[in-house]
Amino acid sequence: MSSFCVIGSGISGATIANLLNKKHTVDLYDKARGLGGRSSFKRLDNLRGFDHGTQYFSPKTTEFKRFTKKLIEKKILKIWGGNHKFLSDKKKENKKHTKVIGRKGNNDISKYLLKNVRCYFQSELKKINFQNRKWNLVFNDGEIRNYENLILTCPFPQLKKLS
């Protein structure tokens, strides 16, 4: 069984980790305290919080529509019925696209996808090196981990720091 390391717990990282985890050993790392990446949810206290990244999802492809429909049926996502306000009267809202949000926060998609994946948070990747057919990864706490396969899903500015 191959070992995979996924860096980033946003929707792309969560999706690939979920798919690979069905047949391989997968570890996912994120530098944040929790998952979601650019769809993260920030908790203010036990009762309040807000979506820090994306405001909603507008599924357009058949596959993503099918996936979000399944999560709506499972009560993980819901249709957002709100309206946008624009500074310009010339700008109009596109009502053709369904807007979907998480019931507890927009990181609900990542939570669902990663429920069976081993995840490590507050683990920032600092250095990568490929040697002897393995990826050697150095994290912010000095720990070194080795994997056969590495998938980086973090934003480009973060990737640039690794070079």
C-alpha atoms as a PDB file:
ATOM      1  CA  MET A   1       0.000   0.000   0.000  1.00  0.00           C
ATOM      2  CA  SER A   2       1.416   3.392  -1.007  1.00  0.00           C
ATOM      3  CA  SER A   3       1.775   6.218   1.478  1.00  0.00           C
ATOM      4  CA  PHE A   4       0.430   9.635   0.534  1.00  0.00           C
ATOM      5  CA  CYS A   5       0.855  12.995   2.196  1.00  0.00           C
ATOM      6  CA  VAL A   6      -1.613  15.759   1.365  1.00  0.00           C
ATOM      7  CA  ILE A   7      -0.783  19.318   2.386  1.00  0.00           C
ATOM      8  CA  GLY A   8      -3.862  21.521   2.792  1.00  0.00           C
ATOM      9  CA  SER A   9      -7.340  20.770   4.137  1.00  0.00           C
ATOM     10  CA  GLY A  10      -9.374  22.944   1.790  1.00  0.00           C
ATOM     11  CA  ILE A  11     -11.868  21.410  -0.600  1.00  0.00           C
ATOM     12  CA  SER A  12      -9.240  20.231  -3.099  1.00  0.00           C
ATOM     13  CA  GLY A  13      -7.018  18.678  -0.415  1.00  0.00           C
ATOM     14  CA  ALA A  14     -10.003  17.100   1.328  1.00  0.00           C
ATOM     15  CA  THR A  15     -11.322  15.679  -1.945  1.00  0.00           C
ATOM     16  CA  ILE A  16      -8.064  14.047  -3.022  1.00  0.00           C
ATOM     17  CA  ALA A  17      -7.361  12.741   0.495  1.00  0.00           C
ATOM     18  CA  ASN A  18     -10.848  11.228   0.663  1.00  0.00           C
ATOM     19  CA  LEU A  19     -10.445   9.484  -2.707  1.00  0.00           C
ATOM     20  CA  LEU A  20      -6.943   8.175  -1.992  1.00  0.00           C
ATOM     21  CA  ASN A  21      -7.854   7.011   1.517  1.00  0.00           C
ATOM     22  CA  LYS A  22     -10.086   4.315   0.011  1.00  0.00           C
ATOM     23  CA  LYS A  23      -7.037   2.333  -1.221  1.00  0.00           C
ATOM     24  CA  HIS A  24      -3.938   3.917   0.320  1.00  0.00           C
ATOM     25  CA  THR A  25      -2.476   5.190   3.571  1.00  0.00           C
ATOM     26  CA  VAL A  26      -3.086   8.957   3.703  1.00  0.00           C
ATOM     27  CA  ASP A  27      -1.979  11.642   6.146  1.00  0.00           C
ATOM     28  CA  LEU A  28      -3.187  15.214   5.722  1.00  0.00           C
ATOM     29  CA  TYR A  29      -1.433  18.249   7.221  1.00  0.00           C
ATOM     30  CA  ASP A  30      -2.586  21.834   7.569  1.00  0.00           C
ATOM     31  CA  LYS A  31      -0.881  24.802   9.179  1.00  0.00           C
ATOM     32  CA  ALA A  32      -4.179  26.090  10.601  1.00  0.00           C
ATOM     33  CA  ARG A  33      -5.855  25.046  13.860  1.00  0.00           C
ATOM     34  CA  GLY A  34      -8.711  23.459  11.937  1.00  0.00           C
ATOM     35  CA  LEU A  35      -9.701  22.339   8.494  1.00  0.00           C
ATOM     36  CA  GLY A  36     -11.264  24.085   5.554  1.00  0.00           C
ATOM     37  CA  GLY A  37      -8.546  26.197   3.967  1.00  0.00           C
ATOM     38  CA  ARG A  38     -10.218  29.010   2.062  1.00  0.00           C
ATOM     39  CA  SER A  39     -13.603  27.720   3.164  1.00  0.00           C
ATOM     40  CA  SER A  40     -12.679  27.868   6.842  1.00  0.00           C
ATOM     41  CA  PHE A  41     -15.019  28.792   9.665  1.00  0.00           C
ATOM     42  CA  LYS A  42     -13.770  30.942  12.535  1.00  0.00           C
ATOM     43  CA  ARG A  43     -15.365  30.362  15.917  1.00  0.00           C
ATOM     44  CA  LEU A  44     -15.750  33.421  18.149  1.00  0.00           C
ATOM     45  CA  ASP A  45     -17.075  31.488  21.153  1.00  0.00           C
ATOM     46  CA  ASN A  46     -19.263  28.435  21.828  1.00  0.00           C
ATOM     47  CA  LEU A  47     -22.288  30.036  20.176  1.00  0.00           C
ATOM     48  CA  ARG A  48     -20.960  32.314  17.454  1.00  0.00           C
ATOM     49  CA  GLY A  49     -18.674  32.160  14.467  1.00  0.00           C
ATOM     50  CA  PHE A  50     -18.400  33.182  10.824  1.00  0.00           C
ATOM     51  CA  ASP A  51     -17.237  31.893   7.463  1.00  0.00           C
ATOM     52  CA  HIS A  52     -13.793  33.349   7.003  1.00  0.00           C
ATOM     53  CA  GLY A  53     -13.324  32.420   3.350  1.00  0.00           C
ATOM     54  CA  THR A  54     -15.826  31.543   0.681  1.00  0.00           C
ATOM     55  CA  GLN A  55     -19.343  32.892   1.224  1.00  0.00           C
ATOM     56  CA  TYR A  56     -21.140  30.054  -0.604  1.00  0.00           C
ATOM     57  CA  PHE A  57     -20.726  27.441  -3.333  1.00  0.00           C
ATOM     58  CA  SER A  58     -22.481  27.542  -6.713  1.00  0.00           C
ATOM     59  CA  PRO A  59     -22.360  24.025  -8.132  1.00  0.00           C
ATOM     60  CA  LYS A  60     -22.229  24.130 -11.925  1.00  0.00           C
ATOM     61  CA  THR A  61     -20.844  20.756 -13.027  1.00  0.00           C
ATOM     62  CA  THR A  62     -23.039  17.666 -12.969  1.00  0.00           C
ATOM     63  CA  GLU A  63     -20.708  15.883 -10.535  1.00  0.00           C
ATOM     64  CA  PHE A  64     -20.554  18.786  -8.068  1.00  0.00           C
ATOM     65  CA  LYS A  65     -24.336  19.255  -8.284  1.00  0.00           C
ATOM     66  CA  ARG A  66     -24.810  15.552  -7.496  1.00  0.00           C
ATOM     67  CA  PHE A  67     -22.325  15.759  -4.611  1.00  0.00           C
ATOM     68  CA  THR A  68     -23.901  18.865  -3.042  1.00  0.00           C
ATOM     69  CA  LYS A  69     -27.397  17.377  -3.480  1.00  0.00           C
ATOM     70  CA  LYS A  70     -26.248  14.317  -1.504  1.00  0.00           C
ATOM     71  CA  LEU A  71     -24.857  16.567   1.258  1.00  0.00           C
ATOM     72  CA  ILE A  72     -28.094  18.577   1.340  1.00  0.00           C
ATOM     73  CA  GLU A  73     -30.034  15.316   1.794  1.00  0.00           C
ATOM     74  CA  LYS A  74     -27.649  14.352   4.627  1.00  0.00           C
ATOM     75  CA  LYS A  75     -28.309  17.769   6.261  1.00  0.00           C
ATOM     76  CA  ILE A  76     -24.647  18.806   5.949  1.00  0.00           C
ATOM     77  CA  LEU A  77     -25.319  21.596   3.436  1.00  0.00           C
ATOM     78  CA  LYS A  78     -28.351  23.772   2.722  1.00  0.00           C
ATOM     79  CA  ILE A  79     -29.540  26.148   0.009  1.00  0.00           C
ATOM     80  CA  TRP A  80     -28.728  29.784   0.766  1.00  0.00           C
ATOM     81  CA  GLY A  81     -31.694  32.000  -0.022  1.00  0.00           C
ATOM     82  CA  GLY A  82     -30.055  35.329   0.713  1.00  0.00           C
ATOM     83  CA  ASN A  83     -29.586  38.241  -1.671  1.00  0.00           C
ATOM     84  CA  HIS A  84     -26.549  40.263  -2.612  1.00  0.00           C
ATOM     85  CA  LYS A  85     -26.365  44.013  -2.271  1.00  0.00           C
ATOM     86  CA  PHE A  86     -24.341  45.893  -4.886  1.00  0.00           C
ATOM     87  CA  LEU A  87     -22.870  49.377  -4.785  1.00  0.00           C
ATOM     88  CA  SER A  88     -23.811  49.894  -8.425  1.00  0.00           C
ATOM     89  CA  ASP A  89     -27.415  49.793  -9.667  1.00  0.00           C
ATOM     90  CA  LYS A  90     -26.081  48.397 -12.961  1.00  0.00           C
ATOM     91  CA  LYS A  91     -24.893  45.179 -11.325  1.00  0.00           C
ATOM     92  CA  LYS A  92     -27.549  42.471 -11.038  1.00  0.00           C
ATOM     93  CA  GLU A  93     -27.470  39.189  -9.165  1.00  0.00           C
ATOM     94  CA  ASN A  94     -27.338  35.990 -11.197  1.00  0.00           C
ATOM     95  CA  LYS A  95     -30.360  34.024  -9.956  1.00  0.00           C
ATOM     96  CA  LYS A  96     -29.660  31.055 -12.275  1.00  0.00           C
ATOM     97  CA  HIS A  97     -27.098  29.487  -9.973  1.00  0.00           C
ATOM     98  CA  THR A  98     -28.047  27.749  -6.755  1.00  0.00           C
ATOM     99  CA  LYS A  99     -26.021  28.958  -3.777  1.00  0.00           C
ATOM    100  CA  VAL A 100     -25.141  26.304  -1.214  1.00  0.00           C
ATOM    101  CA  ILE A 101     -23.700  26.810   2.285  1.00  0.00           C
ATOM    102  CA  GLY A 102     -22.680  24.574   5.167  1.00  0.00           C
ATOM    103  CA  ARG A 103     -25.212  24.179   7.970  1.00  0.00           C
ATOM    104  CA  LYS A 104     -22.576  24.841  10.633  1.00  0.00           C
ATOM    105  CA  GLY A 105     -19.992  26.583   8.432  1.00  0.00           C
ATOM    106  CA  ASN A 106     -18.592  26.366   4.932  1.00  0.00           C
ATOM    107  CA  ASN A 107     -15.872  23.995   6.087  1.00  0.00           C
ATOM    108  CA  ASP A 108     -18.601  21.337   6.455  1.00  0.00           C
ATOM    109  CA  ILE A 109     -17.622  19.882   3.056  1.00  0.00           C
ATOM    110  CA  SER A 110     -14.040  19.338   4.219  1.00  0.00           C
ATOM    111  CA  LYS A 111     -15.284  17.910   7.537  1.00  0.00           C
ATOM    112  CA  TYR A 112     -17.442  15.410   5.680  1.00  0.00           C
ATOM    113  CA  LEU A 113     -14.672  14.383   3.272  1.00  0.00           C
ATOM    114  CA  LEU A 114     -12.004  14.059   5.965  1.00  0.00           C
ATOM    115  CA  LYS A 115     -13.991  12.178   8.607  1.00  0.00           C
ATOM    116  CA  ASN A 116     -11.972   8.975   7.971  1.00  0.00           C
ATOM    117  CA  VAL A 117      -8.610  10.568   7.100  1.00  0.00           C
ATOM    118  CA  ARG A 118      -5.786  11.010   9.624  1.00  0.00           C
ATOM    119  CA  CYS A 119      -5.318  14.795   9.928  1.00  0.00           C
ATOM    120  CA  TYR A 120      -2.632  16.866  11.640  1.00  0.00           C
ATOM    121  CA  PHE A 121      -3.242  20.549  12.334  1.00  0.00           C
ATOM    122  CA  GLN A 122      -0.916  23.381  13.314  1.00  0.00           C
ATOM    123  CA  SER A 123       1.642  21.502  11.216  1.00  0.00           C
ATOM    124  CA  GLU A 124       3.241  23.890   8.763  1.00  0.00           C
ATOM    125  CA  LEU A 125       5.474  22.368   6.107  1.00  0.00           C
ATOM    126  CA  LYS A 126       8.803  24.202   6.098  1.00  0.00           C
ATOM    127  CA  LYS A 127      11.007  22.182   3.756  1.00  0.00           C
ATOM    128  CA  ILE A 128      10.689  19.374   1.217  1.00  0.00           C
ATOM    129  CA  ASN A 129      13.398  17.142  -0.195  1.00  0.00           C
ATOM    130  CA  PHE A 130      13.132  14.133  -2.509  1.00  0.00           C
ATOM    131  CA  GLN A 131      15.745  11.514  -1.700  1.00  0.00           C
ATOM    132  CA  ASN A 132      15.941   7.736  -2.158  1.00  0.00           C
ATOM    133  CA  ARG A 133      12.496   7.658  -3.797  1.00  0.00           C
ATOM    134  CA  LYS A 134      10.844   9.265  -0.747  1.00  0.00           C
ATOM    135  CA  TRP A 135       9.659  12.754   0.084  1.00  0.00           C
ATOM    136  CA  ASN A 136      11.318  14.010   3.258  1.00  0.00           C
ATOM    137  CA  LEU A 137       9.116  16.652   4.855  1.00  0.00           C
ATOM    138  CA  VAL A 138      10.262  18.975   7.619  1.00  0.00           C
ATOM    139  CA  PHE A 139       7.523  20.604   9.677  1.00  0.00           C
ATOM    140  CA  ASN A 140       7.500  23.704  11.903  1.00  0.00           C
ATOM    141  CA  ASP A 141       8.043  21.618  15.053  1.00  0.00           C
ATOM    142  CA  GLY A 142      11.220  20.092  13.556  1.00  0.00           C
ATOM    143  CA  GLU A 143       9.607  16.713  12.967  1.00  0.00           C
ATOM    144  CA  ILE A 144      10.645  14.934   9.756  1.00  0.00           C
ATOM    145  CA  ARG A 145       8.162  12.637   8.008  1.00  0.00           C
ATOM    146  CA  ASN A 146       8.743  10.467   4.924  1.00  0.00           C
ATOM    147  CA  TYR A 147       6.200   9.593   2.238  1.00  0.00           C
ATOM    148  CA  GLU A 148       6.242   7.884  -1.133  1.00  0.00           C
ATOM    149  CA  ASN A 149       3.826  10.435  -2.607  1.00  0.00           C
ATOM    150  CA  LEU A 150       3.252  14.119  -1.921  1.00  0.00           C
ATOM    151  CA  ILE A 151       0.305  16.274  -2.980  1.00  0.00           C
ATOM    152  CA  LEU A 152       0.452  20.011  -2.317  1.00  0.00           C
ATOM    153  CA  THR A 153      -2.904  21.819  -2.439  1.00  0.00           C
ATOM    154  CA  CYS A 154      -1.996  24.997  -0.578  1.00  0.00           C
ATOM    155  CA  PRO A 155      -2.068  28.402  -2.324  1.00  0.00           C
ATOM    156  CA  PHE A 156       0.868  29.334  -4.564  1.00  0.00           C
ATOM    157  CA  PRO A 157       2.326  32.014  -2.221  1.00  0.00           C
ATOM    158  CA  GLN A 158       2.733  29.301   0.433  1.00  0.00           C
ATOM    159  CA  LEU A 159       4.304  26.917  -2.095  1.00  0.00           C
ATOM    160  CA  LYS A 160       6.839  29.553  -3.145  1.00  0.00           C
ATOM    161  CA  LYS A 161       8.204  29.646   0.404  1.00  0.00           C
ATOM    162  CA  LEU A 162       9.187  25.976   0.077  1.00  0.00           C
ATOM    163  CA  SER A 163      11.502  26.512  -2.901  1.00  0.00           C
END
